[in-house]
């Protein structure tokens, strides 16, 4: 999807990121999260291609996994900033869920 954005900052720390939340139907037709990922937006003019490793949060116990499978409510992040920030994610159990490729045309 084309996105037109203009940024202005006095401090480039934590340069803007694109956070992806991919959803899709499961076996029972419930809309569940298929993956999260984030990538820094390049600021050098030109065409840039980035591959984003996607991940999904997992339940911590077998009972929670069984309950989420029956109810169709899988674990997901309520705040998308969790994906963009590193703090607090070291205690979150996740599993790899594929890749998404994005092309940037920066002017």
PDB file of N, CA and C in Angstrom:
ATOM      1  N   UNK A   1       0.832  -1.166   0.000  1.00  0.00           N
ATOM      2  CA  UNK A   1       0.000   0.000   0.000  1.00  0.00           C
ATOM      3  C   UNK A   1       0.880   1.234   0.000  1.00  0.00           C
ATOM      4  N   UNK A   2       0.600   2.192  -0.824  1.00  0.00           N
ATOM      5  CA  UNK A   2       1.406   3.424  -0.793  1.00  0.00           C
ATOM      6  C   UNK A   2       1.113   4.238   0.463  1.00  0.00           C
ATOM      7  N   UNK A   3       2.178   4.696   1.102  1.00  0.00           N
ATOM      8  CA  UNK A   3       2.063   5.521   2.304  1.00  0.00           C
ATOM      9  C   UNK A   3       2.893   6.766   2.078  1.00  0.00           C
ATOM     10  N   UNK A   4       2.294   7.940   2.270  1.00  0.00           N
ATOM     11  CA  UNK A   4       2.999   9.208   2.115  1.00  0.00           C
ATOM     12  C   UNK A   4       3.126   9.840   3.492  1.00  0.00           C
ATOM     13  N   UNK A   5       4.370   9.955   3.991  1.00  0.00           N
ATOM     14  CA  UNK A   5       4.614  10.461   5.339  1.00  0.00           C
ATOM     15  C   UNK A   5       5.773  11.452   5.302  1.00  0.00           C
ATOM     16  N   UNK A   6       5.674  12.503   6.098  1.00  0.00           N
ATOM     17  CA  UNK A   6       6.764  13.460   6.259  1.00  0.00           C
ATOM     18  C   UNK A   6       7.147  13.489   7.734  1.00  0.00           C
ATOM     19  N   UNK A   7       8.443  13.349   8.026  1.00  0.00           N
ATOM     20  CA  UNK A   7       8.933  13.359   9.394  1.00  0.00           C
ATOM     21  C   UNK A   7       9.838  14.556   9.627  1.00  0.00           C
ATOM     22  N   UNK A   8       9.772  15.105  10.844  1.00  0.00           N
ATOM     23  CA  UNK A   8      10.675  16.173  11.257  1.00  0.00           C
ATOM     24  C   UNK A   8      11.032  15.911  12.707  1.00  0.00           C
ATOM     25  N   UNK A   9      12.331  15.933  13.001  1.00  0.00           N
ATOM     26  CA  UNK A   9      12.765  15.634  14.353  1.00  0.00           C
ATOM     27  C   UNK A   9      14.075  16.348  14.647  1.00  0.00           C
ATOM     28  N   UNK A  10      14.285  16.654  15.906  1.00  0.00           N
ATOM     29  CA  UNK A  10      15.566  17.217  16.334  1.00  0.00           C
ATOM     30  C   UNK A  10      16.461  16.135  16.909  1.00  0.00           C
ATOM     31  N   UNK A  11      15.889  14.939  17.145  1.00  0.00           N
ATOM     32  CA  UNK A  11      16.634  13.831  17.719  1.00  0.00           C
ATOM     33  C   UNK A  11      16.291  12.561  16.945  1.00  0.00           C
ATOM     34  N   UNK A  12      17.224  12.022  16.133  1.00  0.00           N
ATOM     35  CA  UNK A  12      16.900  10.848  15.320  1.00  0.00           C
ATOM     36  C   UNK A  12      16.954   9.519  16.078  1.00  0.00           C
ATOM     37  N   UNK A  13      17.097   9.550  17.416  1.00  0.00           N
ATOM     38  CA  UNK A  13      17.149   8.311  18.188  1.00  0.00           C
ATOM     39  C   UNK A  13      15.842   7.535  18.029  1.00  0.00           C
ATOM     40  N   UNK A  14      15.938   6.236  17.747  1.00  0.00           N
ATOM     41  CA  UNK A  14      14.741   5.413  17.573  1.00  0.00           C
ATOM     42  C   UNK A  14      13.972   5.810  16.337  1.00  0.00           C
ATOM     43  N   UNK A  15      14.703   6.012  15.241  1.00  0.00           N
ATOM     44  CA  UNK A  15      14.119   6.477  13.977  1.00  0.00           C
ATOM     45  C   UNK A  15      12.796   5.783  13.711  1.00  0.00           C
ATOM     46  N   UNK A  16      11.887   6.424  13.008  1.00  0.00           N
ATOM     47  CA  UNK A  16      10.545   5.845  12.799  1.00  0.00           C
ATOM     48  C   UNK A  16      10.580   4.405  12.286  1.00  0.00           C
ATOM     49  N   UNK A  17       9.645   3.644  12.793  1.00  0.00           N
ATOM     50  CA  UNK A  17       9.523   2.240  12.420  1.00  0.00           C
ATOM     51  C   UNK A  17       8.126   1.966  11.874  1.00  0.00           C
ATOM     52  N   UNK A  18       8.039   0.972  11.041  1.00  0.00           N
ATOM     53  CA  UNK A  18       6.737   0.463  10.618  1.00  0.00           C
ATOM     54  C   UNK A  18       6.516  -0.825  11.396  1.00  0.00           C
ATOM     55  N   UNK A  19       5.388  -0.895  12.085  1.00  0.00           N
ATOM     56  CA  UNK A  19       5.026  -2.078  12.856  1.00  0.00           C
ATOM     57  C   UNK A  19       3.907  -2.791  12.108  1.00  0.00           C
ATOM     58  N   UNK A  20       4.115  -4.070  11.824  1.00  0.00           N
ATOM     59  CA  UNK A  20       3.115  -4.866  11.121  1.00  0.00           C
ATOM     60  C   UNK A  20       2.400  -5.795  12.095  1.00  0.00           C
ATOM     61  N   UNK A  21       1.083  -5.850  11.960  1.00  0.00           N
ATOM     62  CA  UNK A  21       0.256  -6.819  12.670  1.00  0.00           C
ATOM     63  C   UNK A  21      -0.570  -7.518  11.609  1.00  0.00           C
ATOM     64  N   UNK A  22      -0.271  -8.785  11.370  1.00  0.00           N
ATOM     65  CA  UNK A  22      -0.943  -9.534  10.314  1.00  0.00           C
ATOM     66  C   UNK A  22      -1.968 -10.467  10.950  1.00  0.00           C
ATOM     67  N   UNK A  23      -3.218 -10.380  10.475  1.00  0.00           N
ATOM     68  CA  UNK A  23      -4.301 -11.213  10.982  1.00  0.00           C
ATOM     69  C   UNK A  23      -4.859 -12.067   9.857  1.00  0.00           C
ATOM     70  N   UNK A  24      -5.438 -13.199  10.220  1.00  0.00           N
ATOM     71  CA  UNK A  24      -6.067 -14.075   9.246  1.00  0.00           C
ATOM     72  C   UNK A  24      -6.945 -15.098   9.955  1.00  0.00           C
ATOM     73  N   UNK A  25      -7.781 -15.796   9.190  1.00  0.00           N
ATOM     74  CA  UNK A  25      -8.677 -16.783   9.815  1.00  0.00           C
ATOM     75  C   UNK A  25      -7.933 -18.063  10.203  1.00  0.00           C
ATOM     76  N   UNK A  26      -8.372 -18.682  11.302  1.00  0.00           N
ATOM     77  CA  UNK A  26      -7.823 -19.980  11.679  1.00  0.00           C
ATOM     78  C   UNK A  26      -8.732 -21.086  11.144  1.00  0.00           C
ATOM     79  N   UNK A  27      -8.530 -22.310  11.603  1.00  0.00           N
ATOM     80  CA  UNK A  27      -9.279 -23.469  11.136  1.00  0.00           C
ATOM     81  C   UNK A  27     -10.785 -23.321  11.376  1.00  0.00           C
ATOM     82  N   UNK A  28     -11.157 -22.640  12.459  1.00  0.00           N
ATOM     83  CA  UNK A  28     -12.564 -22.474  12.824  1.00  0.00           C
ATOM     84  C   UNK A  28     -13.183 -21.185  12.289  1.00  0.00           C
ATOM     85  N   UNK A  29     -12.412 -20.399  11.543  1.00  0.00           N
ATOM     86  CA  UNK A  29     -12.919 -19.149  10.988  1.00  0.00           C
ATOM     87  C   UNK A  29     -12.752 -17.944  11.891  1.00  0.00           C
ATOM     88  N   UNK A  30     -12.070 -18.102  13.026  1.00  0.00           N
ATOM     89  CA  UNK A  30     -11.819 -16.968  13.927  1.00  0.00           C
ATOM     90  C   UNK A  30     -10.686 -16.120  13.350  1.00  0.00           C
ATOM     91  N   UNK A  31     -10.793 -14.817  13.500  1.00  0.00           N
ATOM     92  CA  UNK A  31      -9.744 -13.904  13.050  1.00  0.00           C
ATOM     93  C   UNK A  31      -8.661 -13.847  14.129  1.00  0.00           C
ATOM     94  N   UNK A  32      -7.495 -14.443  13.856  1.00  0.00           N
ATOM     95  CA  UNK A  32      -6.416 -14.515  14.840  1.00  0.00           C
ATOM     96  C   UNK A  32      -5.160 -13.870  14.271  1.00  0.00           C
ATOM     97  N   UNK A  33      -4.253 -13.513  15.178  1.00  0.00           N
ATOM     98  CA  UNK A  33      -2.995 -12.908  14.759  1.00  0.00           C
ATOM     99  C   UNK A  33      -2.124 -13.964  14.092  1.00  0.00           C
ATOM    100  N   UNK A  34      -1.555 -13.603  12.950  1.00  0.00           N
ATOM    101  CA  UNK A  34      -0.663 -14.495  12.212  1.00  0.00           C
ATOM    102  C   UNK A  34       0.798 -14.103  12.387  1.00  0.00           C
ATOM    103  N   UNK A  35       1.041 -12.864  12.822  1.00  0.00           N
ATOM    104  CA  UNK A  35       2.415 -12.449  13.051  1.00  0.00           C
ATOM    105  C   UNK A  35       2.549 -10.972  13.333  1.00  0.00           C
ATOM    106  N   UNK A  36       3.616 -10.639  14.050  1.00  0.00           N
ATOM    107  CA  UNK A  36       4.005  -9.267  14.330  1.00  0.00           C
ATOM    108  C   UNK A  36       5.425  -9.078  13.829  1.00  0.00           C
ATOM    109  N   UNK A  37       5.741  -7.864  13.439  1.00  0.00           N
ATOM    110  CA  UNK A  37       7.096  -7.546  13.026  1.00  0.00           C
ATOM    111  C   UNK A  37       7.282  -6.045  12.948  1.00  0.00           C
ATOM    112  N   UNK A  38       8.525  -5.597  12.963  1.00  0.00           N
ATOM    113  CA  UNK A  38       8.834  -4.170  12.883  1.00  0.00           C
ATOM    114  C   UNK A  38      10.126  -3.985  12.106  1.00  0.00           C
ATOM    115  N   UNK A  39      10.210  -2.860  11.407  1.00  0.00           N
ATOM    116  CA  UNK A  39      11.412  -2.525  10.651  1.00  0.00           C
ATOM    117  C   UNK A  39      11.596  -1.014  10.704  1.00  0.00           C
ATOM    118  N   UNK A  40      12.871  -0.578  10.772  1.00  0.00           N
ATOM    119  CA  UNK A  40      13.169   0.848  10.738  1.00  0.00           C
ATOM    120  C   UNK A  40      12.978   1.380   9.323  1.00  0.00           C
ATOM    121  N   UNK A  41      12.411   2.565   9.209  1.00  0.00           N
ATOM    122  CA  UNK A  41      12.211   3.207   7.913  1.00  0.00           C
ATOM    123  C   UNK A  41      13.540   3.810   7.466  1.00  0.00           C
ATOM    124  N   UNK A  42      14.026   3.457   6.272  1.00  0.00           N
ATOM    125  CA  UNK A  42      15.284   4.043   5.805  1.00  0.00           C
ATOM    126  C   UNK A  42      15.111   5.539   5.512  1.00  0.00           C
ATOM    127  N   UNK A  43      16.147   6.320   5.747  1.00  0.00           N
ATOM    128  CA  UNK A  43      16.062   7.759   5.499  1.00  0.00           C
ATOM    129  C   UNK A  43      16.971   8.207   4.363  1.00  0.00           C
ATOM    130  N   UNK A  44      17.631   7.284   3.692  1.00  0.00           N
ATOM    131  CA  UNK A  44      18.475   7.596   2.541  1.00  0.00           C
ATOM    132  C   UNK A  44      17.610   7.499   1.283  1.00  0.00           C
ATOM    133  N   UNK A  45      17.638   8.502   0.417  1.00  0.00           N
ATOM    134  CA  UNK A  45      16.811   8.448  -0.797  1.00  0.00           C
ATOM    135  C   UNK A  45      17.139   7.235  -1.660  1.00  0.00           C
ATOM    136  N   UNK A  46      16.104   6.704  -2.285  1.00  0.00           N
ATOM    137  CA  UNK A  46      16.276   5.560  -3.175  1.00  0.00           C
ATOM    138  C   UNK A  46      15.276   4.460  -2.879  1.00  0.00           C
ATOM    139  N   UNK A  47      15.452   3.344  -3.569  1.00  0.00           N
ATOM    140  CA  UNK A  47      14.573   2.190  -3.381  1.00  0.00           C
ATOM    141  C   UNK A  47      15.240   1.221  -2.411  1.00  0.00           C
ATOM    142  N   UNK A  48      14.505   0.836  -1.382  1.00  0.00           N
ATOM    143  CA  UNK A  48      15.024  -0.056  -0.349  1.00  0.00           C
ATOM    144  C   UNK A  48      14.073  -1.229  -0.186  1.00  0.00           C
ATOM    145  N   UNK A  49      14.635  -2.404  -0.011  1.00  0.00           N
ATOM    146  CA  UNK A  49      13.844  -3.618   0.199  1.00  0.00           C
ATOM    147  C   UNK A  49      14.247  -4.214   1.538  1.00  0.00           C
ATOM    148  N   UNK A  50      13.286  -4.445   2.403  1.00  0.00           N
ATOM    149  CA  UNK A  50      13.539  -4.998   3.735  1.00  0.00           C
ATOM    150  C   UNK A  50      12.700  -6.254   3.933  1.00  0.00           C
ATOM    151  N   UNK A  51      13.302  -7.274   4.528  1.00  0.00           N
ATOM    152  CA  UNK A  51      12.593  -8.491   4.887  1.00  0.00           C
ATOM    153  C   UNK A  51      12.409  -8.493   6.397  1.00  0.00           C
ATOM    154  N   UNK A  52      11.167  -8.630   6.835  1.00  0.00           N
ATOM    155  CA  UNK A  52      10.831  -8.561   8.252  1.00  0.00           C
ATOM    156  C   UNK A  52      10.526  -9.965   8.761  1.00  0.00           C
ATOM    157  N   UNK A  53      11.216 -10.390   9.795  1.00  0.00           N
ATOM    158  CA  UNK A  53      10.928 -11.665  10.455  1.00  0.00           C
ATOM    159  C   UNK A  53       9.687 -11.476  11.330  1.00  0.00           C
ATOM    160  N   UNK A  54       8.681 -12.286  11.092  1.00  0.00           N
ATOM    161  CA  UNK A  54       7.430 -12.185  11.844  1.00  0.00           C
ATOM    162  C   UNK A  54       7.451 -13.182  13.002  1.00  0.00           C
ATOM    163  N   UNK A  55       6.743 -12.850  14.082  1.00  0.00           N
ATOM    164  CA  UNK A  55       6.651 -13.728  15.242  1.00  0.00           C
ATOM    165  C   UNK A  55       5.271 -13.597  15.863  1.00  0.00           C
ATOM    166  N   UNK A  56       4.863 -14.617  16.611  1.00  0.00           N
ATOM    167  CA  UNK A  56       3.593 -14.595  17.341  1.00  0.00           C
ATOM    168  C   UNK A  56       3.865 -14.962  18.802  1.00  0.00           C
ATOM    169  N   UNK A  57       3.140 -14.339  19.733  1.00  0.00           N
ATOM    170  CA  UNK A  57       3.287 -14.715  21.137  1.00  0.00           C
ATOM    171  C   UNK A  57       2.670 -16.088  21.383  1.00  0.00           C
ATOM    172  N   UNK A  58       3.225 -16.821  22.326  1.00  0.00           N
ATOM    173  CA  UNK A  58       2.728 -18.148  22.672  1.00  0.00           C
ATOM    174  C   UNK A  58       2.296 -18.187  24.130  1.00  0.00           C
ATOM    175  N   UNK A  59       1.369 -19.086  24.417  1.00  0.00           N
ATOM    176  CA  UNK A  59       0.952 -19.314  25.801  1.00  0.00           C
ATOM    177  C   UNK A  59       2.097 -19.958  26.564  1.00  0.00           C
ATOM    178  N   UNK A  60       2.130 -19.734  27.870  1.00  0.00           N
ATOM    179  CA  UNK A  60       3.242 -20.238  28.662  1.00  0.00           C
ATOM    180  C   UNK A  60       3.004 -21.632  29.217  1.00  0.00           C
ATOM    181  N   UNK A  61       1.770 -22.101  29.237  1.00  0.00           N
ATOM    182  CA  UNK A  61       1.504 -23.440  29.766  1.00  0.00           C
ATOM    183  C   UNK A  61       0.648 -24.236  28.791  1.00  0.00           C
ATOM    184  N   UNK A  62       0.668 -25.540  28.956  1.00  0.00           N
ATOM    185  CA  UNK A  62      -0.143 -26.426  28.104  1.00  0.00           C
ATOM    186  C   UNK A  62      -1.634 -26.179  28.317  1.00  0.00           C
ATOM    187  N   UNK A  63      -2.038 -25.873  29.550  1.00  0.00           N
ATOM    188  CA  UNK A  63      -3.446 -25.599  29.837  1.00  0.00           C
ATOM    189  C   UNK A  63      -3.911 -24.343  29.100  1.00  0.00           C
ATOM    190  N   UNK A  64      -3.091 -23.293  29.116  1.00  0.00           N
ATOM    191  CA  UNK A  64      -3.429 -22.075  28.386  1.00  0.00           C
ATOM    192  C   UNK A  64      -3.482 -22.327  26.886  1.00  0.00           C
ATOM    193  N   UNK A  65      -2.578 -23.143  26.356  1.00  0.00           N
ATOM    194  CA  UNK A  65      -2.594 -23.468  24.932  1.00  0.00           C
ATOM    195  C   UNK A  65      -3.866 -24.216  24.559  1.00  0.00           C
ATOM    196  N   UNK A  66      -4.269 -25.170  25.383  1.00  0.00           N
ATOM    197  CA  UNK A  66      -5.490 -25.934  25.126  1.00  0.00           C
ATOM    198  C   UNK A  66      -6.728 -25.040  25.208  1.00  0.00           C
ATOM    199  N   UNK A  67      -6.772 -24.185  26.212  1.00  0.00           N
ATOM    200  CA  UNK A  67      -7.901 -23.265  26.370  1.00  0.00           C
ATOM    201  C   UNK A  67      -7.994 -22.295  25.194  1.00  0.00           C
ATOM    202  N   UNK A  68      -6.879 -21.759  24.754  1.00  0.00           N
ATOM    203  CA  UNK A  68      -6.903 -20.821  23.630  1.00  0.00           C
ATOM    204  C   UNK A  68      -7.288 -21.520  22.336  1.00  0.00           C
ATOM    205  N   UNK A  69      -6.932 -22.791  22.189  1.00  0.00           N
ATOM    206  CA  UNK A  69      -7.311 -23.539  20.983  1.00  0.00           C
ATOM    207  C   UNK A  69      -8.819 -23.765  20.949  1.00  0.00           C
ATOM    208  N   UNK A  70      -9.420 -24.110  22.109  1.00  0.00           N
ATOM    209  CA  UNK A  70     -10.867 -24.337  22.163  1.00  0.00           C
ATOM    210  C   UNK A  70     -11.673 -23.056  21.995  1.00  0.00           C
ATOM    211  N   UNK A  71     -11.215 -21.979  22.611  1.00  0.00           N
ATOM    212  CA  UNK A  71     -11.970 -20.720  22.565  1.00  0.00           C
ATOM    213  C   UNK A  71     -11.690 -19.903  21.309  1.00  0.00           C
ATOM    214  N   UNK A  72     -10.579 -20.191  20.626  1.00  0.00           N
ATOM    215  CA  UNK A  72     -10.217 -19.416  19.445  1.00  0.00           C
ATOM    216  C   UNK A  72      -9.585 -18.079  19.776  1.00  0.00           C
ATOM    217  N   UNK A  73      -9.267 -17.851  21.036  1.00  0.00           N
ATOM    218  CA  UNK A  73      -8.635 -16.608  21.484  1.00  0.00           C
ATOM    219  C   UNK A  73      -7.166 -16.889  21.779  1.00  0.00           C
ATOM    220  N   UNK A  74      -6.316 -16.611  20.821  1.00  0.00           N
ATOM    221  CA  UNK A  74      -4.882 -16.829  20.997  1.00  0.00           C
ATOM    222  C   UNK A  74      -4.240 -15.588  21.616  1.00  0.00           C
ATOM    223  N   UNK A  75      -3.061 -15.750  22.224  1.00  0.00           N
ATOM    224  CA  UNK A  75      -2.385 -14.590  22.818  1.00  0.00           C
ATOM    225  C   UNK A  75      -2.030 -13.555  21.748  1.00  0.00           C
ATOM    226  N   UNK A  76      -2.215 -12.291  22.075  1.00  0.00           N
ATOM    227  CA  UNK A  76      -1.808 -11.207  21.184  1.00  0.00           C
ATOM    228  C   UNK A  76      -1.482  -9.980  22.010  1.00  0.00           C
ATOM    229  N   UNK A  77      -0.720  -9.081  21.421  1.00  0.00           N
ATOM    230  CA  UNK A  77      -0.333  -7.852  22.105  1.00  0.00           C
ATOM    231  C   UNK A  77      -1.474  -6.845  22.024  1.00  0.00           C
ATOM    232  N   UNK A  78      -1.737  -6.159  23.134  1.00  0.00           N
ATOM    233  CA  UNK A  78      -2.777  -5.134  23.129  1.00  0.00           C
ATOM    234  C   UNK A  78      -2.231  -3.784  22.681  1.00  0.00           C
ATOM    235  N   UNK A  79      -0.931  -3.589  22.832  1.00  0.00           N
ATOM    236  CA  UNK A  79      -0.298  -2.326  22.453  1.00  0.00           C
ATOM    237  C   UNK A  79       0.763  -2.596  21.380  1.00  0.00           C
ATOM    238  N   UNK A  80       0.638  -2.010  20.177  1.00  0.00           N
ATOM    239  CA  UNK A  80       1.622  -2.268  19.119  1.00  0.00           C
ATOM    240  C   UNK A  80       3.017  -1.736  19.431  1.00  0.00           C
ATOM    241  N   UNK A  81       3.146  -0.852  20.420  1.00  0.00           N
ATOM    242  CA  UNK A  81       4.471  -0.347  20.777  1.00  0.00           C
ATOM    243  C   UNK A  81       5.364  -1.427  21.365  1.00  0.00           C
ATOM    244  N   UNK A  82       4.772  -2.506  21.871  1.00  0.00           N
ATOM    245  CA  UNK A  82       5.561  -3.611  22.416  1.00  0.00           C
ATOM    246  C   UNK A  82       6.429  -4.221  21.323  1.00  0.00           C
ATOM    247  N   UNK A  83       5.912  -4.278  20.104  1.00  0.00           N
ATOM    248  CA  UNK A  83       6.655  -4.855  18.987  1.00  0.00           C
ATOM    249  C   UNK A  83       7.823  -3.960  18.601  1.00  0.00           C
ATOM    250  N   UNK A  84       7.637  -2.641  18.627  1.00  0.00           N
ATOM    251  CA  UNK A  84       8.674  -1.698  18.200  1.00  0.00           C
ATOM    252  C   UNK A  84       9.761  -1.512  19.255  1.00  0.00           C
ATOM    253  N   UNK A  85       9.442  -1.722  20.518  1.00  0.00           N
ATOM    254  CA  UNK A  85      10.416  -1.517  21.582  1.00  0.00           C
ATOM    255  C   UNK A  85      10.992  -2.846  22.026  1.00  0.00           C
ATOM    256  N   UNK A  86      12.217  -2.822  22.463  1.00  0.00           N
ATOM    257  CA  UNK A  86      12.864  -4.035  22.920  1.00  0.00           C
ATOM    258  C   UNK A  86      12.620  -4.341  24.381  1.00  0.00           C
ATOM    259  N   UNK A  87      12.319  -3.310  25.164  1.00  0.00           N
ATOM    260  CA  UNK A  87      12.196  -3.509  26.600  1.00  0.00           C
ATOM    261  C   UNK A  87      10.943  -4.307  26.951  1.00  0.00           C
ATOM    262  N   UNK A  88      11.106  -5.288  27.817  1.00  0.00           N
ATOM    263  CA  UNK A  88       9.995  -6.114  28.255  1.00  0.00           C
ATOM    264  C   UNK A  88       9.739  -7.326  27.374  1.00  0.00           C
ATOM    265  N   UNK A  89      10.341  -7.367  26.191  1.00  0.00           N
ATOM    266  CA  UNK A  89      10.088  -8.495  25.295  1.00  0.00           C
ATOM    267  C   UNK A  89      10.935  -9.708  25.637  1.00  0.00           C
ATOM    268  N   UNK A  90      11.974  -9.535  26.442  1.00  0.00           N
ATOM    269  CA  UNK A  90      12.837 -10.673  26.749  1.00  0.00           C
ATOM    270  C   UNK A  90      12.121 -11.712  27.606  1.00  0.00           C
ATOM    271  N   UNK A  91      11.032 -11.359  28.254  1.00  0.00           N
ATOM    272  CA  UNK A  91      10.284 -12.309  29.070  1.00  0.00           C
ATOM    273  C   UNK A  91       9.049 -12.838  28.340  1.00  0.00           C
ATOM    274  N   UNK A  92       8.833 -12.401  27.123  1.00  0.00           N
ATOM    275  CA  UNK A  92       7.680 -12.838  26.342  1.00  0.00           C
ATOM    276  C   UNK A  92       8.070 -14.042  25.496  1.00  0.00           C
ATOM    277  N   UNK A  93       7.290 -15.092  25.589  1.00  0.00           N
ATOM    278  CA  UNK A  93       7.553 -16.298  24.788  1.00  0.00           C
ATOM    279  C   UNK A  93       6.919 -16.114  23.410  1.00  0.00           C
ATOM    280  N   UNK A  94       7.736 -16.216  22.365  1.00  0.00           N
ATOM    281  CA  UNK A  94       7.254 -16.060  20.997  1.00  0.00           C
ATOM    282  C   UNK A  94       7.805 -17.185  20.125  1.00  0.00           C
ATOM    283  N   UNK A  95       7.191 -17.363  18.956  1.00  0.00           N
ATOM    284  CA  UNK A  95       7.729 -18.313  17.987  1.00  0.00           C
ATOM    285  C   UNK A  95       7.743 -17.658  16.622  1.00  0.00           C
ATOM    286  N   UNK A  96       8.693 -18.047  15.810  1.00  0.00           N
ATOM    287  CA  UNK A  96       8.855 -17.488  14.479  1.00  0.00           C
ATOM    288  C   UNK A  96       7.678 -17.885  13.605  1.00  0.00           C
ATOM    289  N   UNK A  97       7.257 -16.960  12.722  1.00  0.00           N
ATOM    290  CA  UNK A  97       6.066 -17.217  11.922  1.00  0.00           C
ATOM    291  C   UNK A  97       6.245 -16.734  10.483  1.00  0.00           C
ATOM    292  N   UNK A  98       7.417 -16.837   9.921  1.00  0.00           N
ATOM    293  CA  UNK A  98       7.614 -16.481   8.526  1.00  0.00           C
ATOM    294  C   UNK A  98       8.203 -15.096   8.333  1.00  0.00           C
ATOM    295  N   UNK A  99       8.104 -14.610   7.086  1.00  0.00           N
ATOM    296  CA  UNK A  99       8.715 -13.338   6.716  1.00  0.00           C
ATOM    297  C   UNK A  99       7.765 -12.523   5.848  1.00  0.00           C
ATOM    298  N   UNK A 100       7.923 -11.205   5.898  1.00  0.00           N
ATOM    299  CA  UNK A 100       7.212 -10.267   5.033  1.00  0.00           C
ATOM    300  C   UNK A 100       8.264  -9.358   4.411  1.00  0.00           C
ATOM    301  N   UNK A 101       8.152  -9.120   3.104  1.00  0.00           N
ATOM    302  CA  UNK A 101       9.084  -8.241   2.408  1.00  0.00           C
ATOM    303  C   UNK A 101       8.388  -6.933   2.068  1.00  0.00           C
ATOM    304  N   UNK A 102       9.056  -5.818   2.378  1.00  0.00           N
ATOM    305  CA  UNK A 102       8.523  -4.476   2.129  1.00  0.00           C
ATOM    306  C   UNK A 102       9.509  -3.723   1.238  1.00  0.00           C
ATOM    307  N   UNK A 103       8.977  -2.971   0.291  1.00  0.00           N
ATOM    308  CA  UNK A 103       9.808  -2.098  -0.556  1.00  0.00           C
ATOM    309  C   UNK A 103       9.495  -0.648  -0.212  1.00  0.00           C
ATOM    310  N   UNK A 104      10.553   0.126   0.013  1.00  0.00           N
ATOM    311  CA  UNK A 104      10.423   1.556   0.304  1.00  0.00           C
ATOM    312  C   UNK A 104      10.971   2.354  -0.889  1.00  0.00           C
ATOM    313  N   UNK A 105      10.274   3.387  -1.280  1.00  0.00           N
ATOM    314  CA  UNK A 105      10.784   4.369  -2.246  1.00  0.00           C
ATOM    315  C   UNK A 105      10.880   5.686  -1.491  1.00  0.00           C
ATOM    316  N   UNK A 106      12.085   6.040  -1.084  1.00  0.00           N
ATOM    317  CA  UNK A 106      12.308   7.230  -0.271  1.00  0.00           C
ATOM    318  C   UNK A 106      12.800   8.361  -1.161  1.00  0.00           C
ATOM    319  N   UNK A 107      12.161   9.519  -0.999  1.00  0.00           N
ATOM    320  CA  UNK A 107      12.551  10.711  -1.779  1.00  0.00           C
ATOM    321  C   UNK A 107      13.255  11.676  -0.870  1.00  0.00           C
TER     322      UNK A 107
END
